[in-house]
Amino acid sequence: MTGLRRRRPEASALRAGDVLHLTREASPQFARPIWVRLIRVLDWTTYDGWWWVDVYQLGPDGNATARRSLFLRRSGVRVLTPPPPVSQRRPRVGALG
């Protein structure tokens, strides 16, 4: 099966824009935990159970402060689950039930 690329199933579950919380579980470099927004999981050869990722590091206000490439332990990455979307539709005035 030449020419086919295998994808890690765990990496395919992540999407660009996901917010990740990184602590020492993800890597010893995060003695002080940080929040990041995922740009992409890089397809670089590495040790089993680890990823290289491109991210934007987030500041306290949630805005990007730096772009970084990080080496992370897969099992230590925590994805922030967003709240369900709030409907922007307003009920029509005078609409019948």
PDB file of N, CA and C in Angstrom:
ATOM      1  N   MET A   1       0.819  -1.187   0.000  1.00  0.00           N
ATOM      2  CA  MET A   1       0.000   0.000   0.000  1.00  0.00           C
ATOM      3  C   MET A   1       0.864   1.251   0.000  1.00  0.00           C
ATOM      4  N   THR A   2       1.676   1.378  -0.976  1.00  0.00           N
ATOM      5  CA  THR A   2       2.539   2.541  -1.046  1.00  0.00           C
ATOM      6  C   THR A   2       1.727   3.770  -1.412  1.00  0.00           C
ATOM      7  N   GLY A   3       2.172   4.911  -0.944  1.00  0.00           N
ATOM      8  CA  GLY A   3       1.506   6.165  -1.238  1.00  0.00           C
ATOM      9  C   GLY A   3       0.401   6.535  -0.261  1.00  0.00           C
ATOM     10  N   LEU A   4      -0.023   5.593   0.599  1.00  0.00           N
ATOM     11  CA  LEU A   4      -1.052   5.910   1.590  1.00  0.00           C
ATOM     12  C   LEU A   4      -0.394   6.365   2.883  1.00  0.00           C
ATOM     13  N   ARG A   5      -0.986   7.340   3.508  1.00  0.00           N
ATOM     14  CA  ARG A   5      -0.462   7.839   4.782  1.00  0.00           C
ATOM     15  C   ARG A   5      -1.397   7.415   5.898  1.00  0.00           C
ATOM     16  N   ARG A   6      -0.830   6.800   6.919  1.00  0.00           N
ATOM     17  CA  ARG A   6      -1.640   6.417   8.077  1.00  0.00           C
ATOM     18  C   ARG A   6      -1.689   7.591   9.036  1.00  0.00           C
ATOM     19  N   ARG A   7      -2.878   7.818   9.578  1.00  0.00           N
ATOM     20  CA  ARG A   7      -3.057   8.904  10.548  1.00  0.00           C
ATOM     21  C   ARG A   7      -3.292   8.301  11.908  1.00  0.00           C
ATOM     22  N   ARG A   8      -2.754   8.948  12.905  1.00  0.00           N
ATOM     23  CA  ARG A   8      -3.012   8.503  14.267  1.00  0.00           C
ATOM     24  C   ARG A   8      -4.466   8.812  14.589  1.00  0.00           C
ATOM     25  N   PRO A   9      -5.232   7.851  15.049  1.00  0.00           N
ATOM     26  CA  PRO A   9      -6.645   8.125  15.333  1.00  0.00           C
ATOM     27  C   PRO A   9      -6.823   9.197  16.393  1.00  0.00           C
ATOM     28  N   GLU A  10      -5.925   9.261  17.368  1.00  0.00           N
ATOM     29  CA  GLU A  10      -6.058  10.283  18.414  1.00  0.00           C
ATOM     30  C   GLU A  10      -5.875  11.679  17.831  1.00  0.00           C
ATOM     31  N   ALA A  11      -4.936  11.819  16.898  1.00  0.00           N
ATOM     32  CA  ALA A  11      -4.674  13.124  16.297  1.00  0.00           C
ATOM     33  C   ALA A  11      -5.839  13.554  15.418  1.00  0.00           C
ATOM     34  N   SER A  12      -6.492  12.604  14.773  1.00  0.00           N
ATOM     35  CA  SER A  12      -7.595  12.977  13.891  1.00  0.00           C
ATOM     36  C   SER A  12      -8.804  13.476  14.681  1.00  0.00           C
ATOM     37  N   ALA A  13      -8.844  13.156  15.975  1.00  0.00           N
ATOM     38  CA  ALA A  13      -9.946  13.642  16.807  1.00  0.00           C
ATOM     39  C   ALA A  13      -9.781  15.119  17.142  1.00  0.00           C
ATOM     40  N   LEU A  14      -8.566  15.639  17.057  1.00  0.00           N
ATOM     41  CA  LEU A  14      -8.331  17.056  17.320  1.00  0.00           C
ATOM     42  C   LEU A  14      -8.614  17.863  16.064  1.00  0.00           C
ATOM     43  N   ARG A  15      -9.096  19.075  16.262  1.00  0.00           N
ATOM     44  CA  ARG A  15      -9.421  19.968  15.147  1.00  0.00           C
ATOM     45  C   ARG A  15      -8.722  21.313  15.359  1.00  0.00           C
ATOM     46  N   ALA A  16      -8.356  21.943  14.264  1.00  0.00           N
ATOM     47  CA  ALA A  16      -7.803  23.292  14.347  1.00  0.00           C
ATOM     48  C   ALA A  16      -8.806  24.163  15.083  1.00  0.00           C
ATOM     49  N   GLY A  17      -8.301  24.943  16.018  1.00  0.00           N
ATOM     50  CA  GLY A  17      -9.166  25.808  16.815  1.00  0.00           C
ATOM     51  C   GLY A  17      -9.482  25.241  18.180  1.00  0.00           C
ATOM     52  N   ASP A  18      -9.231  23.935  18.399  1.00  0.00           N
ATOM     53  CA  ASP A  18      -9.458  23.358  19.727  1.00  0.00           C
ATOM     54  C   ASP A  18      -8.573  24.058  20.750  1.00  0.00           C
ATOM     55  N   VAL A  19      -9.117  24.284  21.939  1.00  0.00           N
ATOM     56  CA  VAL A  19      -8.347  24.881  23.023  1.00  0.00           C
ATOM     57  C   VAL A  19      -7.860  23.748  23.921  1.00  0.00           C
ATOM     58  N   LEU A  20      -6.540  23.727  24.157  1.00  0.00           N
ATOM     59  CA  LEU A  20      -5.905  22.667  24.936  1.00  0.00           C
ATOM     60  C   LEU A  20      -5.316  23.230  26.216  1.00  0.00           C
ATOM     61  N   HIS A  21      -5.420  22.472  27.287  1.00  0.00           N
ATOM     62  CA  HIS A  21      -4.796  22.822  28.561  1.00  0.00           C
ATOM     63  C   HIS A  21      -3.594  21.919  28.726  1.00  0.00           C
ATOM     64  N   LEU A  22      -2.406  22.520  28.856  1.00  0.00           N
ATOM     65  CA  LEU A  22      -1.169  21.754  28.934  1.00  0.00           C
ATOM     66  C   LEU A  22      -0.539  21.914  30.315  1.00  0.00           C
ATOM     67  N   THR A  23      -0.303  20.777  30.967  1.00  0.00           N
ATOM     68  CA  THR A  23       0.325  20.747  32.285  1.00  0.00           C
ATOM     69  C   THR A  23       1.537  19.821  32.219  1.00  0.00           C
ATOM     70  N   ARG A  24       2.122  19.529  33.384  1.00  0.00           N
ATOM     71  CA  ARG A  24       3.255  18.605  33.426  1.00  0.00           C
ATOM     72  C   ARG A  24       2.916  17.236  32.861  1.00  0.00           C
ATOM     73  N   GLU A  25       1.640  16.877  32.875  1.00  0.00           N
ATOM     74  CA  GLU A  25       1.239  15.593  32.284  1.00  0.00           C
ATOM     75  C   GLU A  25       1.541  15.568  30.790  1.00  0.00           C
ATOM     76  N   ALA A  26       1.488  16.725  30.143  1.00  0.00           N
ATOM     77  CA  ALA A  26       1.765  16.809  28.706  1.00  0.00           C
ATOM     78  C   ALA A  26       3.262  16.896  28.430  1.00  0.00           C
ATOM     79  N   SER A  27       4.016  17.540  29.326  1.00  0.00           N
ATOM     80  CA  SER A  27       5.459  17.664  29.162  1.00  0.00           C
ATOM     81  C   SER A  27       6.047  18.352  30.398  1.00  0.00           C
ATOM     82  N   PRO A  28       7.259  17.971  30.789  1.00  0.00           N
ATOM     83  CA  PRO A  28       7.886  18.617  31.947  1.00  0.00           C
ATOM     84  C   PRO A  28       8.072  20.128  31.776  1.00  0.00           C
ATOM     85  N   GLN A  29       8.076  20.609  30.531  1.00  0.00           N
ATOM     86  CA  GLN A  29       8.260  22.047  30.300  1.00  0.00           C
ATOM     87  C   GLN A  29       7.089  22.889  30.800  1.00  0.00           C
ATOM     88  N   PHE A  30       5.955  22.234  31.101  1.00  0.00           N
ATOM     89  CA  PHE A  30       4.779  22.980  31.545  1.00  0.00           C
ATOM     90  C   PHE A  30       4.603  22.879  33.054  1.00  0.00           C
ATOM     91  N   ALA A  31       5.662  23.204  33.797  1.00  0.00           N
ATOM     92  CA  ALA A  31       5.570  23.262  35.261  1.00  0.00           C
ATOM     93  C   ALA A  31       4.513  24.296  35.635  1.00  0.00           C
ATOM     94  N   ARG A  32       4.428  25.335  34.846  1.00  0.00           N
ATOM     95  CA  ARG A  32       3.353  26.327  34.968  1.00  0.00           C
ATOM     96  C   ARG A  32       2.404  26.057  33.807  1.00  0.00           C
ATOM     97  N   PRO A  33       1.195  25.572  34.081  1.00  0.00           N
ATOM     98  CA  PRO A  33       0.259  25.201  33.009  1.00  0.00           C
ATOM     99  C   PRO A  33      -0.052  26.378  32.084  1.00  0.00           C
ATOM    100  N   ILE A  34      -0.308  26.033  30.810  1.00  0.00           N
ATOM    101  CA  ILE A  34      -0.683  27.051  29.824  1.00  0.00           C
ATOM    102  C   ILE A  34      -1.898  26.575  29.043  1.00  0.00           C
ATOM    103  N   TRP A  35      -2.564  27.536  28.396  1.00  0.00           N
ATOM    104  CA  TRP A  35      -3.666  27.267  27.482  1.00  0.00           C
ATOM    105  C   TRP A  35      -3.186  27.613  26.088  1.00  0.00           C
ATOM    106  N   VAL A  36      -3.549  26.778  25.109  1.00  0.00           N
ATOM    107  CA  VAL A  36      -3.154  27.022  23.723  1.00  0.00           C
ATOM    108  C   VAL A  36      -4.336  26.732  22.801  1.00  0.00           C
ATOM    109  N   ARG A  37      -4.299  27.351  21.617  1.00  0.00           N
ATOM    110  CA  ARG A  37      -5.282  27.058  20.572  1.00  0.00           C
ATOM    111  C   ARG A  37      -4.545  26.308  19.473  1.00  0.00           C
ATOM    112  N   LEU A  38      -5.042  25.131  19.119  1.00  0.00           N
ATOM    113  CA  LEU A  38      -4.378  24.261  18.149  1.00  0.00           C
ATOM    114  C   LEU A  38      -4.463  24.820  16.736  1.00  0.00           C
ATOM    115  N   ILE A  39      -3.326  24.846  16.068  1.00  0.00           N
ATOM    116  CA  ILE A  39      -3.280  25.168  14.646  1.00  0.00           C
ATOM    117  C   ILE A  39      -3.332  23.861  13.863  1.00  0.00           C
ATOM    118  N   ARG A  40      -2.423  22.927  14.223  1.00  0.00           N
ATOM    119  CA  ARG A  40      -2.399  21.616  13.569  1.00  0.00           C
ATOM    120  C   ARG A  40      -1.486  20.661  14.322  1.00  0.00           C
ATOM    121  N   VAL A  41      -1.762  19.378  14.146  1.00  0.00           N
ATOM    122  CA  VAL A  41      -0.875  18.325  14.636  1.00  0.00           C
ATOM    123  C   VAL A  41       0.087  18.039  13.490  1.00  0.00           C
ATOM    124  N   LEU A  42       1.386  18.138  13.771  1.00  0.00           N
ATOM    125  CA  LEU A  42       2.385  17.948  12.722  1.00  0.00           C
ATOM    126  C   LEU A  42       2.625  16.463  12.479  1.00  0.00           C
ATOM    127  N   ASP A  43       2.882  16.110  11.257  1.00  0.00           N
ATOM    128  CA  ASP A  43       3.117  14.724  10.880  1.00  0.00           C
ATOM    129  C   ASP A  43       4.620  14.430  10.890  1.00  0.00           C
ATOM    130  N   TRP A  44       5.260  14.700  12.019  1.00  0.00           N
ATOM    131  CA  TRP A  44       6.692  14.473  12.163  1.00  0.00           C
ATOM    132  C   TRP A  44       6.930  13.159  12.897  1.00  0.00           C
ATOM    133  N   THR A  45       7.961  12.442  12.519  1.00  0.00           N
ATOM    134  CA  THR A  45       8.314  11.194  13.186  1.00  0.00           C
ATOM    135  C   THR A  45       8.788  11.513  14.597  1.00  0.00           C
ATOM    136  N   THR A  46       8.269  10.769  15.554  1.00  0.00           N
ATOM    137  CA  THR A  46       8.616  11.015  16.949  1.00  0.00           C
ATOM    138  C   THR A  46       8.443   9.733  17.746  1.00  0.00           C
ATOM    139  N   TYR A  47       8.653   9.813  19.039  1.00  0.00           N
ATOM    140  CA  TYR A  47       8.476   8.652  19.902  1.00  0.00           C
ATOM    141  C   TYR A  47       6.994   8.287  19.988  1.00  0.00           C
ATOM    142  N   ASP A  48       6.733   6.994  20.195  1.00  0.00           N
ATOM    143  CA  ASP A  48       5.362   6.537  20.333  1.00  0.00           C
ATOM    144  C   ASP A  48       4.718   7.209  21.545  1.00  0.00           C
ATOM    145  N   GLY A  49       3.527   7.750  21.353  1.00  0.00           N
ATOM    146  CA  GLY A  49       2.816   8.406  22.450  1.00  0.00           C
ATOM    147  C   GLY A  49       3.079   9.900  22.561  1.00  0.00           C
ATOM    148  N   TRP A  50       3.824  10.464  21.625  1.00  0.00           N
ATOM    149  CA  TRP A  50       4.148  11.900  21.645  1.00  0.00           C
ATOM    150  C   TRP A  50       3.742  12.539  20.326  1.00  0.00           C
ATOM    151  N   TRP A  51       3.451  13.834  20.353  1.00  0.00           N
ATOM    152  CA  TRP A  51       3.092  14.630  19.170  1.00  0.00           C
ATOM    153  C   TRP A  51       3.934  15.892  19.111  1.00  0.00           C
ATOM    154  N   TRP A  52       4.136  16.367  17.903  1.00  0.00           N
ATOM    155  CA  TRP A  52       4.563  17.742  17.663  1.00  0.00           C
ATOM    156  C   TRP A  52       3.324  18.480  17.185  1.00  0.00           C
ATOM    157  N   VAL A  53       3.071  19.655  17.742  1.00  0.00           N
ATOM    158  CA  VAL A  53       1.909  20.455  17.349  1.00  0.00           C
ATOM    159  C   VAL A  53       2.310  21.904  17.141  1.00  0.00           C
ATOM    160  N   ASP A  54       1.602  22.581  16.253  1.00  0.00           N
ATOM    161  CA  ASP A  54       1.694  24.036  16.097  1.00  0.00           C
ATOM    162  C   ASP A  54       0.502  24.622  16.830  1.00  0.00           C
ATOM    163  N   VAL A  55       0.764  25.624  17.673  1.00  0.00           N
ATOM    164  CA  VAL A  55      -0.299  26.226  18.485  1.00  0.00           C
ATOM    165  C   VAL A  55      -0.073  27.721  18.622  1.00  0.00           C
ATOM    166  N   TYR A  56      -1.132  28.394  19.061  1.00  0.00           N
ATOM    167  CA  TYR A  56      -1.015  29.767  19.555  1.00  0.00           C
ATOM    168  C   TYR A  56      -1.154  29.692  21.059  1.00  0.00           C
ATOM    169  N   GLN A  57      -0.181  30.221  21.787  1.00  0.00           N
ATOM    170  CA  GLN A  57      -0.306  30.286  23.243  1.00  0.00           C
ATOM    171  C   GLN A  57      -1.271  31.407  23.577  1.00  0.00           C
ATOM    172  N   LEU A  58      -2.160  31.147  24.534  1.00  0.00           N
ATOM    173  CA  LEU A  58      -3.193  32.117  24.892  1.00  0.00           C
ATOM    174  C   LEU A  58      -2.846  32.838  26.183  1.00  0.00           C
ATOM    175  N   GLY A  59      -3.146  34.118  26.225  1.00  0.00           N
ATOM    176  CA  GLY A  59      -2.951  34.911  27.427  1.00  0.00           C
ATOM    177  C   GLY A  59      -4.164  34.801  28.336  1.00  0.00           C
ATOM    178  N   PRO A  60      -4.132  35.498  29.484  1.00  0.00           N
ATOM    179  CA  PRO A  60      -5.243  35.441  30.436  1.00  0.00           C
ATOM    180  C   PRO A  60      -6.577  35.910  29.843  1.00  0.00           C
ATOM    181  N   ASP A  61      -6.514  36.768  28.830  1.00  0.00           N
ATOM    182  CA  ASP A  61      -7.738  37.278  28.205  1.00  0.00           C
ATOM    183  C   ASP A  61      -8.240  36.369  27.081  1.00  0.00           C
ATOM    184  N   GLY A  62      -7.505  35.280  26.800  1.00  0.00           N
ATOM    185  CA  GLY A  62      -7.912  34.346  25.756  1.00  0.00           C
ATOM    186  C   GLY A  62      -7.391  34.680  24.372  1.00  0.00           C
ATOM    187  N   ASN A  63      -6.651  35.786  24.258  1.00  0.00           N
ATOM    188  CA  ASN A  63      -6.076  36.172  22.969  1.00  0.00           C
ATOM    189  C   ASN A  63      -4.709  35.528  22.778  1.00  0.00           C
ATOM    190  N   ALA A  64      -4.352  35.270  21.526  1.00  0.00           N
ATOM    191  CA  ALA A  64      -3.063  34.663  21.204  1.00  0.00           C
ATOM    192  C   ALA A  64      -1.928  35.624  21.548  1.00  0.00           C
ATOM    193  N   THR A  65      -0.897  35.094  22.213  1.00  0.00           N
ATOM    194  CA  THR A  65       0.258  35.913  22.572  1.00  0.00           C
ATOM    195  C   THR A  65       1.521  35.474  21.850  1.00  0.00           C
ATOM    196  N   ALA A  66       1.579  34.202  21.388  1.00  0.00           N
ATOM    197  CA  ALA A  66       2.761  33.696  20.700  1.00  0.00           C
ATOM    198  C   ALA A  66       2.398  32.452  19.908  1.00  0.00           C
ATOM    199  N   ARG A  67       3.096  32.262  18.795  1.00  0.00           N
ATOM    200  CA  ARG A  67       2.947  31.024  18.026  1.00  0.00           C
ATOM    201  C   ARG A  67       4.097  30.111  18.412  1.00  0.00           C
ATOM    202  N   ARG A  68       3.779  28.833  18.670  1.00  0.00           N
ATOM    203  CA  ARG A  68       4.800  27.901  19.139  1.00  0.00           C
ATOM    204  C   ARG A  68       4.615  26.530  18.492  1.00  0.00           C
ATOM    205  N   SER A  69       5.721  25.802  18.357  1.00  0.00           N
ATOM    206  CA  SER A  69       5.696  24.380  18.012  1.00  0.00           C
ATOM    207  C   SER A  69       6.101  23.648  19.281  1.00  0.00           C
ATOM    208  N   LEU A  70       5.264  22.694  19.717  1.00  0.00           N
ATOM    209  CA  LEU A  70       5.479  22.029  21.003  1.00  0.00           C
ATOM    210  C   LEU A  70       5.526  20.520  20.838  1.00  0.00           C
ATOM    211  N   PHE A  71       6.312  19.879  21.706  1.00  0.00           N
ATOM    212  CA  PHE A  71       6.440  18.432  21.769  1.00  0.00           C
ATOM    213  C   PHE A  71       5.661  17.969  22.990  1.00  0.00           C
ATOM    214  N   LEU A  72       4.602  17.172  22.792  1.00  0.00           N
ATOM    215  CA  LEU A  72       3.668  16.841  23.865  1.00  0.00           C
ATOM    216  C   LEU A  72       3.426  15.347  23.995  1.00  0.00           C
ATOM    217  N   ARG A  73       3.190  14.915  25.210  1.00  0.00           N
ATOM    218  CA  ARG A  73       2.736  13.548  25.464  1.00  0.00           C
ATOM    219  C   ARG A  73       1.239  13.513  25.197  1.00  0.00           C
ATOM    220  N   ARG A  74       0.808  12.636  24.303  1.00  0.00           N
ATOM    221  CA  ARG A  74      -0.610  12.559  23.919  1.00  0.00           C
ATOM    222  C   ARG A  74      -1.536  12.412  25.114  1.00  0.00           C
ATOM    223  N   SER A  75      -1.161  11.517  26.035  1.00  0.00           N
ATOM    224  CA  SER A  75      -2.054  11.231  27.166  1.00  0.00           C
ATOM    225  C   SER A  75      -2.207  12.409  28.117  1.00  0.00           C
ATOM    226  N   GLY A  76      -1.319  13.404  28.037  1.00  0.00           N
ATOM    227  CA  GLY A  76      -1.395  14.545  28.931  1.00  0.00           C
ATOM    228  C   GLY A  76      -2.156  15.731  28.384  1.00  0.00           C
ATOM    229  N   VAL A  77      -2.572  15.664  27.130  1.00  0.00           N
ATOM    230  CA  VAL A  77      -3.286  16.778  26.504  1.00  0.00           C
ATOM    231  C   VAL A  77      -4.750  16.746  26.922  1.00  0.00           C
ATOM    232  N   ARG A  78      -5.251  17.871  27.400  1.00  0.00           N
ATOM    233  CA  ARG A  78      -6.663  17.997  27.796  1.00  0.00           C
ATOM    234  C   ARG A  78      -7.329  19.016  26.888  1.00  0.00           C
ATOM    235  N   VAL A  79      -8.414  18.601  26.242  1.00  0.00           N
ATOM    236  CA  VAL A  79      -9.141  19.479  25.326  1.00  0.00           C
ATOM    237  C   VAL A  79     -10.273  20.148  26.093  1.00  0.00           C
ATOM    238  N   LEU A  80     -10.368  21.465  25.972  1.00  0.00           N
ATOM    239  CA  LEU A  80     -11.466  22.206  26.576  1.00  0.00           C
ATOM    240  C   LEU A  80     -12.711  21.949  25.749  1.00  0.00           C
ATOM    241  N   THR A  81     -13.729  21.404  26.375  1.00  0.00           N
ATOM    242  CA  THR A  81     -14.976  21.159  25.642  1.00  0.00           C
ATOM    243  C   THR A  81     -15.804  22.434  25.679  1.00  0.00           C
ATOM    244  N   PRO A  82     -16.124  22.951  24.509  1.00  0.00           N
ATOM    245  CA  PRO A  82     -16.870  24.216  24.478  1.00  0.00           C
ATOM    246  C   PRO A  82     -18.309  24.018  24.942  1.00  0.00           C
ATOM    247  N   PRO A  83     -18.918  25.073  25.479  1.00  0.00           N
ATOM    248  CA  PRO A  83     -20.336  24.979  25.839  1.00  0.00           C
ATOM    249  C   PRO A  83     -21.169  24.821  24.574  1.00  0.00           C
ATOM    250  N   PRO A  84     -22.359  24.262  24.680  1.00  0.00           N
ATOM    251  CA  PRO A  84     -23.189  24.123  23.478  1.00  0.00           C
ATOM    252  C   PRO A  84     -23.500  25.487  22.890  1.00  0.00           C
ATOM    253  N   PRO A  85     -23.583  25.587  21.558  1.00  0.00           N
ATOM    254  CA  PRO A  85     -23.843  26.890  20.938  1.00  0.00           C
ATOM    255  C   PRO A  85     -25.208  27.435  21.346  1.00  0.00           C
ATOM    256  N   VAL A  86     -25.238  28.737  21.535  1.00  0.00           N
ATOM    257  CA  VAL A  86     -26.489  29.409  21.887  1.00  0.00           C
ATOM    258  C   VAL A  86     -27.180  29.805  20.598  1.00  0.00           C
ATOM    259  N   SER A  87     -28.445  29.505  20.503  1.00  0.00           N
ATOM    260  CA  SER A  87     -29.187  29.835  19.298  1.00  0.00           C
ATOM    261  C   SER A  87     -29.277  31.349  19.155  1.00  0.00           C
ATOM    262  N   GLN A  88     -29.026  31.827  17.953  1.00  0.00           N
ATOM    263  CA  GLN A  88     -29.103  33.257  17.677  1.00  0.00           C
ATOM    264  C   GLN A  88     -30.475  33.650  17.141  1.00  0.00           C
ATOM    265  N   ARG A  89     -31.326  32.650  16.937  1.00  0.00           N
ATOM    266  CA  ARG A  89     -32.667  32.945  16.419  1.00  0.00           C
ATOM    267  C   ARG A  89     -33.548  33.523  17.515  1.00  0.00           C
ATOM    268  N   ARG A  90     -34.298  34.511  17.143  1.00  0.00           N
ATOM    269  CA  ARG A  90     -35.276  35.091  18.058  1.00  0.00           C
ATOM    270  C   ARG A  90     -36.650  34.580  17.658  1.00  0.00           C
ATOM    271  N   PRO A  91     -37.514  34.348  18.619  1.00  0.00           N
ATOM    272  CA  PRO A  91     -38.872  33.956  18.238  1.00  0.00           C
ATOM    273  C   PRO A  91     -39.547  35.137  17.517  1.00  0.00           C
ATOM    274  N   ARG A  92     -40.323  34.806  16.524  1.00  0.00           N
ATOM    275  CA  ARG A  92     -41.027  35.852  15.782  1.00  0.00           C
ATOM    276  C   ARG A  92     -42.134  36.428  16.664  1.00  0.00           C
ATOM    277  N   VAL A  93     -42.240  37.710  16.656  1.00  0.00           N
ATOM    278  CA  VAL A  93     -43.298  38.380  17.407  1.00  0.00           C
ATOM    279  C   VAL A  93     -44.624  38.084  16.721  1.00  0.00           C
ATOM    280  N   GLY A  94     -45.580  37.657  17.478  1.00  0.00           N
ATOM    281  CA  GLY A  94     -46.899  37.365  16.922  1.00  0.00           C
ATOM    282  C   GLY A  94     -46.993  36.023  16.221  1.00  0.00           C
ATOM    283  N   ALA A  95     -45.931  35.221  16.301  1.00  0.00           N
ATOM    284  CA  ALA A  95     -45.981  33.908  15.643  1.00  0.00           C
ATOM    285  C   ALA A  95     -46.960  33.004  16.371  1.00  0.00           C
ATOM    286  N   LEU A  96     -47.649  32.214  15.613  1.00  0.00           N
ATOM    287  CA  LEU A  96     -48.588  31.263  16.208  1.00  0.00           C
ATOM    288  C   LEU A  96     -47.840  29.994  16.575  1.00  0.00           C
ATOM    289  N   GLY A  97     -48.151  29.485  17.796  1.00  0.00           N
ATOM    290  CA  GLY A  97     -47.573  28.344  18.416  1.00  0.00           C
ATOM    291  C   GLY A  97     -47.177  27.234  17.613  1.00  0.00           C
TER     292      GLY A  97
END
